Amino acid sequence: MLAYLLRRSAFLVVSFLVAMTVLFVLLRLLPGDPSNALLSVNATQEQIDAAREQVGADRPLGEQFAAWFGGVLTFDLGSSFVSSLPVGPEIASRLQVTVPLTLLAFLLAVVLALVAGVVSALRADRWYGIALSGLSQLGIAVPVFWVGILLVSVFAVTLRLFPSGGFPRDDWADPAAALTSLALPVITIAIVMSASITRYVRSATLDVVGSDYLRSARAQGAGFGEALLRHGARNAAVPVVAILGIELATTFLGAVVVESVFSLPGLGSMLLTAIQQHDYPNIQGILLVSTLVVLLTGFVADIAQRLIDPRLRTSISGNGLR
């Protein structure tokens, strides 16, 4: 297992380096010039040349990449072309909204999906099992922004139980106010995410319930609940953990939509503003952090699968490619 961890960690580092290179190249292939963020429509050639020199766009691409790569290694993501503020601290400030939003929504979605998935699998012949399965299919088809608008209309406008948007200016100085501001966004994401996870939990539960080893355990005198928890839970968890890793990464990346609906000052709104202003350092920094989150999430999910299922650890020792 230790050898696998080392190989997987090396693969993580290589993947991050490749992602950095691809990100840098793709941004430079986009139409427009980074210096446009500093120029007016009627800028003269002298002003254009000065702006290009200021943002480093006049240097060769290799030199630009080396400077950016060296900055990343020292945790320096550069400064915004528009505000001249350091990118790293600004991203850290925005993560104080995006990370709690993502994690709280993820935890709520997992709880809802586990209950709905198991019940819809074990009670597939009952009306409520069928209803839960149907609701999960409906939840996948509903756009997340539509769910957000609906919740705002009901709980913010009509019932006035939660604010319709925004976040406290003092951030988490008042945790109650901050959590209240995140309540509707969290529920919005959790509803859509739990619908997707419910399908996988239901499928994994059905596979376990119909397995030979579960029937053998019951034939030896174990009750259904005991056999399911002792022998089926870990087997059902292996495919679900992989899906949870994907869902968590997707939620983090997709927070931009929910943050726009609820006017939250998170990473997503920062990215939209940076794109509109052609602010390359902010765009690069946000996409780099997002890529790192996705890679780390996949890494943790992969390790968790092997900790849960001993068969995967056996295949690691028996096959050097895994």
Protein backbone atom coordinates (compact mmCIF):
# COMPACT_ATOMS: atom_id res chain seq x y z
CA MET A 1 0.00 0.00 0.00
CA LEU A 2 2.87 2.36 0.78
CA ALA A 3 4.40 1.75 -2.65
CA TYR A 4 1.04 2.49 -4.25
CA LEU A 5 0.73 5.71 -2.26
CA LEU A 6 4.12 6.84 -3.51
CA ARG A 7 3.25 6.01 -7.14
CA ARG A 8 -0.13 7.68 -6.83
CA SER A 9 1.44 10.77 -5.27
CA ALA A 10 3.99 10.97 -8.09
CA PHE A 11 1.16 10.67 -10.61
CA LEU A 12 -0.67 13.48 -8.80
CA VAL A 13 2.35 15.78 -9.08
CA VAL A 14 2.88 14.97 -12.76
CA SER A 15 -0.82 15.53 -13.50
CA PHE A 16 -0.69 18.91 -11.79
CA LEU A 17 2.37 19.97 -13.79
CA VAL A 18 0.73 18.89 -17.04
CA ALA A 19 -2.45 20.75 -16.08
CA MET A 20 -0.42 23.89 -15.38
CA THR A 21 1.18 23.72 -18.81
CA VAL A 22 -2.10 23.06 -20.64
CA LEU A 23 -3.82 25.86 -18.72
CA PHE A 24 -1.10 28.36 -19.59
CA VAL A 25 -1.08 27.43 -23.28
CA LEU A 26 -4.86 27.44 -23.68
CA LEU A 27 -5.21 30.87 -22.10
CA ARG A 28 -2.57 32.24 -24.48
CA LEU A 29 -4.45 30.79 -27.46
CA LEU A 30 -7.61 32.72 -26.63
CA PRO A 31 -8.35 35.77 -28.79
CA GLY A 32 -7.30 39.12 -27.38
CA ASP A 33 -4.26 40.34 -25.51
CA PRO A 34 -3.71 40.37 -21.73
CA SER A 35 -2.84 44.06 -21.91
CA ASN A 36 -6.41 44.85 -23.00
CA ALA A 37 -7.41 44.80 -19.33
CA LEU A 38 -5.41 48.03 -18.86
CA LEU A 39 -6.34 49.82 -22.07
CA SER A 40 -9.21 51.96 -23.24
CA VAL A 41 -10.82 51.61 -26.65
CA ASN A 42 -8.88 54.51 -28.14
CA ALA A 43 -5.46 53.54 -26.77
CA THR A 44 -2.46 54.62 -28.80
CA GLN A 45 0.29 52.28 -29.94
CA GLU A 46 2.61 53.73 -27.28
CA GLN A 47 0.03 52.97 -24.59
CA ILE A 48 -0.44 49.45 -25.94
CA ASP A 49 3.30 48.79 -25.89
CA ALA A 50 3.58 50.14 -22.34
CA ALA A 51 0.67 47.99 -21.18
CA ARG A 52 2.15 44.87 -22.79
CA GLU A 53 5.44 45.55 -21.05
CA GLN A 54 3.65 46.09 -17.73
CA VAL A 55 1.84 42.74 -17.86
CA GLY A 56 4.81 40.90 -19.39
CA ALA A 57 3.03 40.09 -22.66
CA ASP A 58 5.99 41.39 -24.66
CA ARG A 59 8.23 38.59 -23.40
CA PRO A 60 8.56 35.17 -25.11
CA LEU A 61 6.01 32.55 -24.02
CA GLY A 62 8.72 30.34 -22.55
CA GLU A 63 9.93 33.16 -20.35
CA GLN A 64 6.36 34.00 -19.29
CA PHE A 65 5.70 30.38 -18.37
CA ALA A 66 8.96 30.08 -16.42
CA ALA A 67 8.11 33.21 -14.43
CA TRP A 68 4.60 31.94 -13.68
CA PHE A 69 5.82 28.44 -12.83
CA GLY A 70 8.42 29.85 -10.45
CA GLY A 71 5.77 31.98 -8.80
CA VAL A 72 3.48 28.97 -8.28
CA LEU A 73 6.30 27.04 -6.62
CA THR A 74 6.70 29.92 -4.13
CA PHE A 75 2.91 30.26 -3.69
CA ASP A 76 2.89 33.54 -5.61
CA LEU A 77 0.11 33.59 -8.20
CA GLY A 78 0.89 37.12 -9.34
CA SER A 79 -1.20 40.28 -9.12
CA SER A 80 -4.42 41.26 -10.81
CA PHE A 81 -4.06 43.38 -13.96
CA VAL A 82 -7.13 45.40 -12.97
CA SER A 83 -6.91 45.88 -9.18
CA SER A 84 -3.15 45.20 -8.76
CA LEU A 85 -4.05 43.11 -5.69
CA PRO A 86 -2.24 39.78 -5.10
CA VAL A 87 -4.20 36.89 -6.57
CA GLY A 88 -3.43 34.36 -3.82
CA PRO A 89 -4.94 36.30 -0.86
CA GLU A 90 -7.98 37.21 -2.95
CA ILE A 91 -8.60 33.56 -3.82
CA ALA A 92 -8.13 32.58 -0.16
CA SER A 93 -10.75 35.17 0.80
CA ARG A 94 -13.22 33.86 -1.78
CA LEU A 95 -12.63 30.27 -0.66
CA GLN A 96 -14.10 31.21 2.72
CA VAL A 97 -17.45 31.22 0.92
CA THR A 98 -16.98 28.54 -1.75
CA VAL A 99 -15.45 25.83 0.46
CA PRO A 100 -18.12 25.93 3.24
CA LEU A 101 -20.82 26.10 0.56
CA THR A 102 -19.43 23.04 -1.21
CA LEU A 103 -18.75 20.95 1.89
CA LEU A 104 -22.06 21.68 3.62
CA ALA A 105 -24.00 20.93 0.44
CA PHE A 106 -21.97 17.75 -0.07
CA LEU A 107 -22.60 16.48 3.47
CA LEU A 108 -26.33 17.21 3.26
CA ALA A 109 -26.54 15.57 -0.17
CA VAL A 110 -24.76 12.43 1.08
CA VAL A 111 -27.15 12.07 4.02
CA LEU A 112 -30.20 12.54 1.81
CA ALA A 113 -28.85 10.20 -0.88
CA LEU A 114 -27.94 7.41 1.55
CA VAL A 115 -31.41 7.42 3.08
CA ALA A 116 -33.26 7.75 -0.23
CA GLY A 117 -31.02 5.27 -2.07
CA VAL A 118 -31.22 2.53 0.55
CA VAL A 119 -34.96 2.94 1.11
CA SER A 120 -35.75 2.99 -2.63
CA ALA A 121 -33.68 -0.21 -3.07
CA LEU A 122 -35.03 -2.15 -0.09
CA ARG A 123 -38.61 -0.98 -0.66
CA ALA A 124 -38.64 -1.01 -4.45
CA ASP A 125 -42.07 -2.66 -4.40
CA ARG A 126 -43.64 -0.02 -2.14
CA TRP A 127 -45.12 3.27 -3.27
CA TYR A 128 -42.62 5.37 -1.34
CA GLY A 129 -39.69 3.41 -2.77
CA ILE A 130 -41.00 4.02 -6.27
CA ALA A 131 -41.64 7.68 -5.42
CA LEU A 132 -38.08 8.19 -4.15
CA SER A 133 -36.66 6.59 -7.28
CA GLY A 134 -38.84 8.82 -9.47
CA LEU A 135 -37.87 11.95 -7.55
CA SER A 136 -34.20 11.15 -8.01
CA GLN A 137 -34.72 10.90 -11.76
CA LEU A 138 -36.58 14.22 -11.73
CA GLY A 139 -33.87 15.88 -9.64
CA ILE A 140 -31.20 14.98 -12.18
CA ALA A 141 -33.20 16.60 -14.99
CA VAL A 142 -33.91 19.87 -13.12
CA PRO A 143 -31.30 22.66 -13.64
CA VAL A 144 -29.65 23.81 -10.44
CA PHE A 145 -30.36 27.49 -11.13
CA TRP A 146 -34.08 26.71 -11.49
CA VAL A 147 -34.09 25.01 -8.09
CA GLY A 148 -32.33 28.05 -6.61
CA ILE A 149 -34.84 30.50 -8.07
CA LEU A 150 -37.73 28.35 -6.83
CA LEU A 151 -36.33 28.19 -3.29
CA VAL A 152 -35.76 31.96 -3.26
CA SER A 153 -39.33 32.53 -4.40
CA VAL A 154 -40.79 30.31 -1.68
CA PHE A 155 -38.50 30.66 1.35
CA ALA A 156 -37.09 34.16 0.83
CA VAL A 157 -39.80 36.14 -0.96
CA THR A 158 -43.00 34.45 0.26
CA LEU A 159 -42.13 33.02 3.68
CA ARG A 160 -39.21 35.38 4.44
CA LEU A 161 -37.36 32.68 6.35
CA PHE A 162 -33.98 33.18 4.67
CA PRO A 163 -32.22 36.01 2.83
CA SER A 164 -32.54 35.91 -0.94
CA GLY A 165 -28.82 36.39 -1.47
CA GLY A 166 -25.61 38.07 -0.40
CA PHE A 167 -23.11 37.32 2.33
CA PRO A 168 -22.13 39.25 5.51
CA ARG A 169 -19.43 41.86 4.88
CA ASP A 170 -17.50 40.68 7.93
CA ASP A 171 -17.53 37.12 6.54
CA TRP A 172 -17.54 34.57 9.38
CA ALA A 173 -17.31 37.03 12.26
CA ASP A 174 -20.98 36.19 12.87
CA PRO A 175 -21.25 32.45 12.11
CA ALA A 176 -25.04 32.41 12.51
CA ALA A 177 -25.51 35.15 9.90
CA ALA A 178 -23.05 33.47 7.55
CA LEU A 179 -24.76 30.08 7.83
CA THR A 180 -28.15 31.71 7.32
CA SER A 181 -26.87 33.29 4.10
CA LEU A 182 -25.62 29.90 2.90
CA ALA A 183 -28.77 27.97 3.84
CA LEU A 184 -30.65 28.29 0.56
CA PRO A 185 -27.54 27.84 -1.66
CA VAL A 186 -26.59 24.72 0.31
CA ILE A 187 -30.08 23.25 -0.01
CA THR A 188 -30.13 24.09 -3.72
CA ILE A 189 -26.92 22.23 -4.45
CA ALA A 190 -27.78 19.35 -2.10
CA ILE A 191 -31.12 18.69 -3.81
CA VAL A 192 -29.56 18.34 -7.26
CA MET A 193 -26.47 16.48 -6.05
CA SER A 194 -28.41 14.03 -3.86
CA ALA A 195 -30.61 13.10 -6.81
CA SER A 196 -27.56 11.93 -8.74
CA ILE A 197 -25.93 10.13 -5.81
CA THR A 198 -29.22 8.40 -4.91
CA ARG A 199 -29.17 6.46 -8.19
CA TYR A 200 -25.71 5.02 -7.45
CA VAL A 201 -26.56 4.21 -3.83
CA ARG A 202 -29.72 2.44 -4.96
CA SER A 203 -27.86 0.46 -7.62
CA ALA A 204 -25.07 -0.53 -5.21
CA THR A 205 -27.60 -1.57 -2.57
CA LEU A 206 -29.54 -3.72 -5.06
CA ASP A 207 -26.30 -5.45 -6.11
CA VAL A 208 -25.48 -6.25 -2.47
CA VAL A 209 -28.98 -7.42 -1.59
CA GLY A 210 -28.95 -9.88 -4.48
CA SER A 211 -25.42 -11.16 -3.81
CA ASP A 212 -24.55 -14.75 -2.87
CA TYR A 213 -22.46 -13.79 0.15
CA LEU A 214 -25.39 -11.93 1.71
CA ARG A 215 -27.66 -14.94 1.24
CA SER A 216 -24.95 -17.16 2.75
CA ALA A 217 -24.69 -14.91 5.78
CA ARG A 218 -28.43 -15.05 6.31
CA ALA A 219 -28.41 -18.83 5.87
CA GLN A 220 -25.90 -19.00 8.74
CA GLY A 221 -28.35 -17.27 11.04
CA ALA A 222 -27.60 -13.55 10.62
CA GLY A 223 -30.54 -11.20 10.38
CA PHE A 224 -31.04 -9.14 7.24
CA GLY A 225 -29.95 -5.88 8.87
CA GLU A 226 -26.90 -7.47 10.49
CA ALA A 227 -25.86 -9.20 7.27
CA LEU A 228 -26.31 -5.99 5.29
CA LEU A 229 -24.22 -3.90 7.69
CA ARG A 230 -21.47 -6.45 8.34
CA HIS A 231 -21.06 -7.92 4.87
CA GLY A 232 -22.75 -5.59 2.40
CA ALA A 233 -22.00 -2.04 3.51
CA ARG A 234 -18.30 -2.07 2.58
CA ASN A 235 -18.93 -3.69 -0.79
CA ALA A 236 -21.63 -1.17 -1.61
CA ALA A 237 -19.42 1.70 -0.47
CA VAL A 238 -16.61 1.05 -2.99
CA PRO A 239 -18.42 2.26 -6.16
CA VAL A 240 -20.27 4.95 -4.21
CA VAL A 241 -17.03 6.46 -2.88
CA ALA A 242 -15.74 6.90 -6.43
CA ILE A 243 -18.94 8.71 -7.38
CA LEU A 244 -18.77 10.88 -4.26
CA GLY A 245 -15.30 12.06 -5.28
CA ILE A 246 -16.57 13.04 -8.72
CA GLU A 247 -19.64 14.75 -7.27
CA LEU A 248 -17.59 16.74 -4.77
CA ALA A 249 -15.22 17.98 -7.48
CA THR A 250 -18.14 18.79 -9.79
CA THR A 251 -19.90 20.73 -7.05
CA PHE A 252 -16.81 22.80 -6.36
CA LEU A 253 -16.40 23.63 -10.04
CA GLY A 254 -20.12 24.25 -10.55
CA ALA A 255 -20.50 26.60 -7.61
CA VAL A 256 -20.26 29.51 -10.05
CA VAL A 257 -23.90 29.03 -11.08
CA VAL A 258 -25.28 28.95 -7.55
CA GLU A 259 -23.06 31.82 -6.45
CA SER A 260 -24.45 33.90 -9.30
CA VAL A 261 -28.06 33.09 -8.37
CA PHE A 262 -27.52 34.02 -4.73
CA SER A 263 -24.98 36.84 -5.26
CA LEU A 264 -22.32 35.14 -3.16
CA PRO A 265 -18.78 36.55 -3.22
CA GLY A 266 -17.16 33.19 -3.85
CA LEU A 267 -14.63 31.81 -6.28
CA GLY A 268 -17.20 31.46 -9.05
CA SER A 269 -18.19 35.12 -9.08
CA MET A 270 -14.50 36.07 -9.01
CA LEU A 271 -13.91 33.91 -12.09
CA LEU A 272 -16.80 35.49 -14.00
CA THR A 273 -15.52 38.98 -13.23
CA ALA A 274 -11.98 38.03 -14.26
CA ILE A 275 -13.19 36.62 -17.58
CA GLN A 276 -15.19 39.76 -18.32
CA GLN A 277 -12.17 41.95 -17.56
CA HIS A 278 -9.60 39.71 -19.33
CA ASP A 279 -7.71 39.54 -16.04
CA TYR A 280 -5.33 36.68 -16.84
CA PRO A 281 -3.62 36.34 -13.42
CA ASN A 282 -6.98 35.93 -11.68
CA ILE A 283 -8.21 33.46 -14.30
CA GLN A 284 -5.01 31.43 -14.12
CA GLY A 285 -5.02 31.41 -10.32
CA ILE A 286 -8.65 30.35 -10.00
CA LEU A 287 -8.39 27.59 -12.61
CA LEU A 288 -5.14 26.37 -11.08
CA VAL A 289 -6.68 26.12 -7.61
CA SER A 290 -9.77 24.42 -9.05
CA THR A 291 -7.60 21.90 -10.90
CA LEU A 292 -5.66 21.15 -7.73
CA VAL A 293 -8.92 20.58 -5.82
CA VAL A 294 -10.16 18.16 -8.47
CA LEU A 295 -6.89 16.21 -8.50
CA LEU A 296 -6.74 16.01 -4.70
CA THR A 297 -10.37 14.90 -4.51
CA GLY A 298 -9.71 12.10 -6.97
CA PHE A 299 -6.58 11.13 -5.05
CA VAL A 300 -8.43 10.91 -1.72
CA ALA A 301 -11.33 8.98 -3.26
CA ASP A 302 -8.92 6.50 -4.84
CA ILE A 303 -7.10 5.89 -1.56
CA ALA A 304 -10.40 5.61 0.33
CA GLN A 305 -11.59 2.88 -2.06
CA ARG A 306 -8.50 0.79 -1.33
CA LEU A 307 -8.81 1.28 2.41
CA ILE A 308 -12.43 0.10 2.28
CA ASP A 309 -11.94 -2.90 -0.01
CA PRO A 310 -9.06 -5.29 0.87
CA ARG A 311 -9.32 -6.88 -2.58
CA LEU A 312 -8.02 -3.70 -4.18
CA ARG A 313 -5.03 -3.69 -1.83
CA THR A 314 -4.34 -7.31 -2.80
CA SER A 315 -4.46 -6.39 -6.49
CA ILE A 316 -1.96 -3.61 -5.79
CA SER A 317 0.60 -6.04 -4.36
CA GLY A 318 -0.04 -8.57 -7.09
CA ASN A 319 0.00 -6.19 -10.06
CA GLY A 320 2.59 -3.48 -10.34
CA LEU A 321 0.46 -1.54 -12.82
CA ARG A 322 -2.27 -0.78 -10.27
